[in-house]
Amino acid sequence: MNKLFVLLTGIFMLHIAETNAQLPNVASGKIERYADFKSAVIEARNVDVWLPADYSPSKKYAVLYMHDGQMLFDSSTTWNKQEWHVDETVSKLIAEGKIMDCIVVGIWNNGIYRHADYFPQKPLADLPSAARDTLIKNELQGKPRSDAYLQFIVSELKPFIDKTYSTYTDKSHTFIAGSSMGGLISMYAICEYPEIFGGAACISTHWPGSILAEKDIIPDAFLNYLQQHLPPPTDHKIYFDYGTATLDQLYEPYQLKADAIMQAKNYTSTNWLTKKFEGENHSEASWSKRLFIPLIFLLAK
């Protein structure tokens, strides 16, 4: 079997642990878990909130929302024994004065619906009906869910976070980030809710989107959506990146098209960054090594 096919299949079948899973051990700060966080629009899931060691209600904090929340903090609790090292990286950058004070909200994926939650929904309208129907049936578990997933974040989770913690609530202090399909949904989020998110980190963005559809029709739909809905560069920042090994080797042609759209929409180095990482693969081990780059770009003081 083709190795890339196996990798493609794997990113859509990531595990989710039980909702009563062990709380992550962190090197700095602390985790507060909201287990089985209920929603009116999507399935319940865990939400892990990381607070810096000196968190105080007397201060205000920016908020970074991250997808695949079970992968962020502790490799001993993850399915592949890898992690993003979010607590170490964010703590170091705050201590060095390189980013604003912030908290991190890790939103768990829920396994079987991960692909449906993270696949940008509105671009489906651009697909031929046969391809769209096959994708929805075979990969999106019968229906797309990303509009509902973003509605959950914006209308249910964010109000809860802003009520529970001492946060800045405006878009200039609200960010969203993820990798692979999480990169796609982060791009979609800032386009759908430009009044909510001031910055998005789209790491190893999985432009192919599918293992079944005819080559390029899905990335073309994503890119057409980006061209039509990209928010203004005056008050938004967007970060993209990709490696050159394993699954990431597929991404460069599509990312170059995305970069052309960014340039045409008057994004410059002050509000947009795309980076290529030679030899880096599609894994938390790779993403953790470069996490500091999008964090500094988006959250710089």
Protein backbone atom coordinates (compact mmCIF):
# COMPACT_ATOMS: atom_id res chain seq x y z
CA MET A 1 0.00 0.00 0.00
CA ASN A 2 1.24 3.52 -0.84
CA LYS A 3 2.89 5.09 2.21
CA LEU A 4 1.30 8.49 1.58
CA PHE A 5 -2.13 6.83 1.43
CA VAL A 6 -1.46 5.32 4.85
CA LEU A 7 -0.45 8.74 6.19
CA LEU A 8 -3.52 10.39 4.67
CA THR A 9 -5.74 7.78 6.24
CA GLY A 10 -4.01 8.19 9.59
CA ILE A 11 -4.64 11.90 9.96
CA PHE A 12 -8.37 11.31 9.58
CA MET A 13 -8.42 8.49 12.14
CA LEU A 14 -6.62 10.08 15.10
CA HIS A 15 -7.56 8.57 18.42
CA ILE A 16 -9.41 10.28 21.17
CA ALA A 17 -8.98 9.07 24.74
CA GLU A 18 -11.78 8.61 27.22
CA THR A 19 -13.27 11.85 28.51
CA ASN A 20 -12.08 10.89 31.99
CA ALA A 21 -8.48 10.60 30.74
CA GLN A 22 -5.55 11.54 32.93
CA LEU A 23 -4.93 15.25 33.32
CA PRO A 24 -1.76 16.26 31.46
CA ASN A 25 1.36 16.90 33.50
CA VAL A 26 2.84 20.28 32.56
CA ALA A 27 6.32 21.66 33.09
CA SER A 28 5.02 25.14 33.85
CA GLY A 29 1.67 26.64 34.75
CA LYS A 30 -1.38 24.46 35.30
CA ILE A 31 -4.22 22.77 33.43
CA GLU A 32 -7.87 23.18 34.30
CA ARG A 33 -10.06 20.62 32.54
CA TYR A 34 -13.71 20.94 31.59
CA ALA A 35 -14.52 17.31 30.93
CA ASP A 36 -17.27 16.43 28.48
CA PHE A 37 -17.99 20.11 27.77
CA LYS A 38 -21.60 20.20 26.59
CA SER A 39 -22.74 21.96 23.44
CA ALA A 40 -26.08 22.52 21.77
CA VAL A 41 -24.56 22.21 18.29
CA ILE A 42 -21.80 19.54 18.40
CA GLU A 43 -20.86 16.48 20.40
CA ALA A 44 -19.45 17.03 23.89
CA ARG A 45 -15.68 16.97 24.28
CA ASN A 46 -12.96 17.79 26.79
CA VAL A 47 -11.56 21.30 26.95
CA ASP A 48 -8.19 21.82 28.66
CA VAL A 49 -7.30 25.37 29.70
CA TRP A 50 -3.63 26.10 30.32
CA LEU A 51 -2.84 28.98 32.68
CA PRO A 52 0.65 30.46 33.13
CA ALA A 53 2.31 29.99 36.50
CA ASP A 54 1.67 33.59 37.54
CA TYR A 55 -1.92 33.72 36.33
CA SER A 56 -3.82 36.38 38.27
CA PRO A 57 -7.38 37.68 37.98
CA SER A 58 -5.92 41.16 38.43
CA LYS A 59 -4.31 40.94 34.97
CA LYS A 60 -5.82 40.51 31.52
CA TYR A 61 -4.75 37.75 29.15
CA ALA A 62 -4.94 37.09 25.44
CA VAL A 63 -6.47 33.74 24.44
CA LEU A 64 -5.07 31.17 22.02
CA TYR A 65 -7.58 28.51 20.95
CA MET A 66 -5.94 25.31 19.68
CA HIS A 67 -7.46 22.25 18.00
CA ASP A 68 -6.55 18.62 18.81
CA GLY A 69 -6.28 19.67 22.44
CA GLN A 70 -5.29 16.23 23.72
CA MET A 71 -1.99 16.49 21.81
CA LEU A 72 -0.70 19.77 23.24
CA PHE A 73 0.83 19.25 26.66
CA ASP A 74 1.91 15.76 27.73
CA SER A 75 3.27 13.01 25.48
CA SER A 76 2.61 10.35 28.10
CA THR A 77 -1.14 10.81 27.49
CA THR A 78 -1.16 10.96 23.67
CA TRP A 79 -1.80 8.14 21.20
CA ASN A 80 1.59 8.52 19.46
CA LYS A 81 3.64 9.59 22.49
CA GLN A 82 4.31 13.01 20.99
CA GLU A 83 3.20 16.50 22.05
CA TRP A 84 3.36 20.14 21.01
CA HIS A 85 5.20 21.26 24.22
CA VAL A 86 2.80 24.18 24.40
CA ASP A 87 3.30 24.87 28.11
CA GLU A 88 7.10 24.99 27.84
CA THR A 89 7.11 27.13 24.70
CA VAL A 90 4.48 29.64 25.78
CA SER A 91 5.98 29.99 29.27
CA LYS A 92 9.44 30.66 27.82
CA LEU A 93 8.18 33.26 25.35
CA ILE A 94 6.17 35.08 28.02
CA ALA A 95 9.16 35.08 30.40
CA GLU A 96 11.39 36.49 27.65
CA GLY A 97 8.88 39.24 26.90
CA LYS A 98 8.47 38.05 23.31
CA ILE A 99 4.70 37.51 23.44
CA MET A 100 1.83 38.98 25.39
CA ASP A 101 0.50 37.25 28.49
CA CYS A 102 -1.92 34.59 27.35
CA ILE A 103 -3.84 31.46 28.22
CA VAL A 104 -4.28 28.47 25.90
CA VAL A 105 -7.60 26.70 25.36
CA GLY A 106 -7.04 23.18 24.05
CA ILE A 107 -10.19 21.87 22.36
CA TRP A 108 -10.08 18.09 22.06
CA ASN A 109 -11.06 16.44 18.82
CA ASN A 110 -13.62 13.71 19.27
CA GLY A 111 -12.10 11.06 17.07
CA ILE A 112 -14.65 9.82 14.57
CA TYR A 113 -15.96 13.31 13.74
CA ARG A 114 -12.56 15.03 13.62
CA HIS A 115 -12.47 15.24 9.84
CA ALA A 116 -16.08 16.44 9.64
CA ASP A 117 -15.42 19.07 12.32
CA TYR A 118 -12.27 20.39 10.64
CA PHE A 119 -13.19 20.21 6.93
CA PRO A 120 -14.18 23.75 5.81
CA GLN A 121 -17.86 23.47 5.00
CA LYS A 122 -18.75 26.27 2.59
CA PRO A 123 -16.18 25.22 -0.07
CA LEU A 124 -18.17 21.99 -0.48
CA ALA A 125 -20.59 23.99 -2.64
CA ASP A 126 -17.86 24.35 -5.29
CA LEU A 127 -17.40 20.60 -5.72
CA PRO A 128 -19.12 18.51 -8.39
CA SER A 129 -22.15 16.87 -6.83
CA ALA A 130 -20.85 13.31 -7.21
CA ALA A 131 -17.53 14.13 -5.53
CA ARG A 132 -19.29 16.11 -2.82
CA ASP A 133 -21.73 13.29 -2.05
CA THR A 134 -18.94 10.70 -1.92
CA LEU A 135 -16.83 12.87 0.37
CA ILE A 136 -19.71 13.56 2.75
CA LYS A 137 -20.76 9.93 2.89
CA ASN A 138 -17.36 8.29 3.19
CA GLU A 139 -15.20 10.85 5.01
CA LEU A 140 -17.48 13.32 6.79
CA GLN A 141 -19.62 10.71 8.55
CA GLY A 142 -22.74 11.70 6.66
CA LYS A 143 -22.66 15.46 7.04
CA PRO A 144 -20.21 18.37 7.31
CA ARG A 145 -19.87 19.75 10.82
CA SER A 146 -17.31 22.56 10.67
CA ASP A 147 -19.82 25.41 10.68
CA ALA A 148 -21.31 23.95 13.85
CA TYR A 149 -17.83 23.39 15.31
CA LEU A 150 -16.92 27.05 14.80
CA GLN A 151 -20.31 28.11 16.15
CA PHE A 152 -19.51 26.11 19.29
CA ILE A 153 -16.18 27.89 19.71
CA VAL A 154 -17.53 31.38 19.05
CA SER A 155 -20.99 31.22 20.66
CA GLU A 156 -20.52 28.75 23.51
CA LEU A 157 -16.89 28.18 24.42
CA LYS A 158 -15.51 31.70 24.03
CA PRO A 159 -18.24 33.29 26.20
CA PHE A 160 -17.53 30.66 28.86
CA ILE A 161 -13.78 31.29 28.75
CA ASP A 162 -14.23 35.07 28.88
CA LYS A 163 -16.62 34.76 31.84
CA THR A 164 -14.45 32.27 33.75
CA TYR A 165 -11.02 33.81 33.17
CA SER A 166 -9.56 37.31 33.12
CA THR A 167 -9.27 37.75 29.37
CA TYR A 168 -9.20 40.42 26.74
CA THR A 169 -12.26 39.69 24.63
CA ASP A 170 -11.46 41.66 21.48
CA LYS A 171 -10.11 40.17 18.24
CA SER A 172 -6.68 41.72 18.67
CA HIS A 173 -6.16 39.38 21.64
CA THR A 174 -7.98 36.29 20.29
CA PHE A 175 -6.13 33.72 18.17
CA ILE A 176 -6.71 30.27 16.72
CA ALA A 177 -4.20 27.61 15.71
CA GLY A 178 -3.90 24.03 14.52
CA SER A 179 -2.03 21.65 12.25
CA SER A 180 -3.00 19.53 9.26
CA MET A 181 -6.82 19.54 9.13
CA GLY A 182 -6.51 21.83 12.16
CA GLY A 183 -4.64 24.24 9.89
CA LEU A 184 -7.54 24.23 7.44
CA ILE A 185 -10.15 24.90 10.12
CA SER A 186 -8.00 27.72 11.53
CA MET A 187 -7.90 29.35 8.08
CA TYR A 188 -11.66 28.86 7.80
CA ALA A 189 -12.24 30.29 11.28
CA ILE A 190 -10.52 33.63 10.64
CA CYS A 191 -12.37 33.95 7.32
CA GLU A 192 -15.77 33.07 8.79
CA TYR A 193 -15.32 35.08 12.00
CA PRO A 194 -12.94 37.97 11.25
CA GLU A 195 -14.62 39.98 13.99
CA ILE A 196 -13.66 37.32 16.57
CA PHE A 197 -10.17 36.14 15.56
CA GLY A 198 -7.35 38.58 14.92
CA GLY A 199 -4.82 35.92 14.02
CA ALA A 200 -4.61 32.33 12.79
CA ALA A 201 -1.72 29.85 12.68
CA CYS A 202 -2.21 27.27 9.93
CA ILE A 203 0.59 24.75 10.46
CA SER A 204 1.21 22.01 7.89
CA THR A 205 -2.12 22.98 6.36
CA HIS A 206 -3.67 19.89 4.78
CA TRP A 207 -4.74 21.45 1.49
CA PRO A 208 -5.61 18.07 -0.17
CA GLY A 209 -8.48 17.70 2.31
CA SER A 210 -9.44 14.17 1.31
CA ILE A 211 -8.14 10.72 0.43
CA LEU A 212 -10.88 9.98 -2.08
CA ALA A 213 -11.67 12.95 -4.26
CA GLU A 214 -10.14 13.62 -7.65
CA LYS A 215 -6.81 15.43 -7.45
CA ASP A 216 -6.98 19.21 -6.94
CA ILE A 217 -10.74 19.74 -6.92
CA ILE A 218 -10.83 20.05 -3.13
CA PRO A 219 -7.75 22.28 -2.69
CA ASP A 220 -9.05 24.44 -5.55
CA ALA A 221 -12.33 24.83 -3.66
CA PHE A 222 -10.46 25.79 -0.48
CA LEU A 223 -8.32 28.31 -2.36
CA ASN A 224 -11.32 29.81 -4.13
CA TYR A 225 -12.98 30.24 -0.74
CA LEU A 226 -9.83 31.88 0.66
CA GLN A 227 -9.71 34.27 -2.29
CA GLN A 228 -13.31 35.32 -1.71
CA HIS A 229 -13.38 35.50 2.09
CA LEU A 230 -9.90 36.49 3.26
CA PRO A 231 -10.31 39.19 5.95
CA PRO A 232 -8.62 42.57 5.55
CA PRO A 233 -4.89 42.68 6.31
CA THR A 234 -5.20 45.91 8.28
CA ASP A 235 -6.23 44.13 11.47
CA HIS A 236 -5.56 40.41 10.92
CA LYS A 237 -2.47 38.19 10.88
CA ILE A 238 -2.17 34.80 9.20
CA TYR A 239 0.67 32.29 9.43
CA PHE A 240 1.19 29.28 7.15
CA ASP A 241 3.96 26.70 7.04
CA TYR A 242 4.87 23.27 5.72
CA GLY A 243 7.66 20.72 5.80
CA THR A 244 9.05 18.64 2.96
CA ALA A 245 8.87 15.09 4.36
CA THR A 246 6.09 12.51 4.72
CA LEU A 247 2.64 14.03 4.23
CA ASP A 248 3.97 17.58 4.17
CA GLN A 249 5.70 16.89 0.84
CA LEU A 250 2.28 17.27 -0.83
CA TYR A 251 1.65 20.82 0.32
CA GLU A 252 4.01 23.20 -1.45
CA PRO A 253 2.14 23.57 -4.79
CA TYR A 254 -1.07 24.48 -2.99
CA GLN A 255 0.65 26.74 -0.47
CA LEU A 256 2.25 28.69 -3.31
CA LYS A 257 -1.23 29.32 -4.72
CA ALA A 258 -2.41 30.43 -1.28
CA ASP A 259 0.60 32.75 -1.04
CA ALA A 260 -0.33 34.34 -4.37
CA ILE A 261 -3.80 35.02 -3.01
CA MET A 262 -2.35 36.61 0.12
CA GLN A 263 -0.15 38.89 -1.99
CA ALA A 264 -3.02 39.85 -4.28
CA LYS A 265 -5.07 40.79 -1.21
CA ASN A 266 -2.28 43.15 -0.05
CA TYR A 267 -0.97 41.02 2.78
CA THR A 268 2.66 41.82 3.55
CA SER A 269 5.35 40.58 5.93
CA THR A 270 3.76 42.57 8.76
CA ASN A 271 0.54 40.56 8.70
CA TRP A 272 1.33 37.33 6.82
CA LEU A 273 4.10 34.77 7.02
CA THR A 274 4.61 31.50 5.14
CA LYS A 275 7.62 29.34 6.02
CA LYS A 276 9.04 26.18 4.48
CA PHE A 277 10.94 23.75 6.72
CA GLU A 278 13.26 21.45 4.80
CA GLY A 279 13.28 17.88 6.05
CA GLU A 280 10.50 18.37 8.58
CA ASN A 281 7.66 15.86 8.60
CA HIS A 282 4.00 15.72 9.53
CA SER A 283 4.15 15.20 13.30
CA GLU A 284 3.87 16.86 16.67
CA ALA A 285 7.63 16.39 17.01
CA SER A 286 8.15 18.68 14.04
CA TRP A 287 5.42 21.17 14.94
CA SER A 288 6.69 21.58 18.48
CA LYS A 289 10.15 22.58 17.24
CA ARG A 290 8.78 25.56 15.32
CA LEU A 291 5.76 26.53 17.42
CA PHE A 292 7.63 29.55 18.76
CA ILE A 293 7.64 31.13 15.28
CA PRO A 294 3.87 31.52 14.78
CA LEU A 295 3.43 32.41 18.45
CA ILE A 296 5.87 35.31 18.20
CA PHE A 297 4.41 36.38 14.85
CA LEU A 298 0.82 36.44 16.11
CA LEU A 299 1.18 37.36 19.79
CA ALA A 300 4.16 39.71 19.77
CA LYS A 301 3.86 42.51 22.28
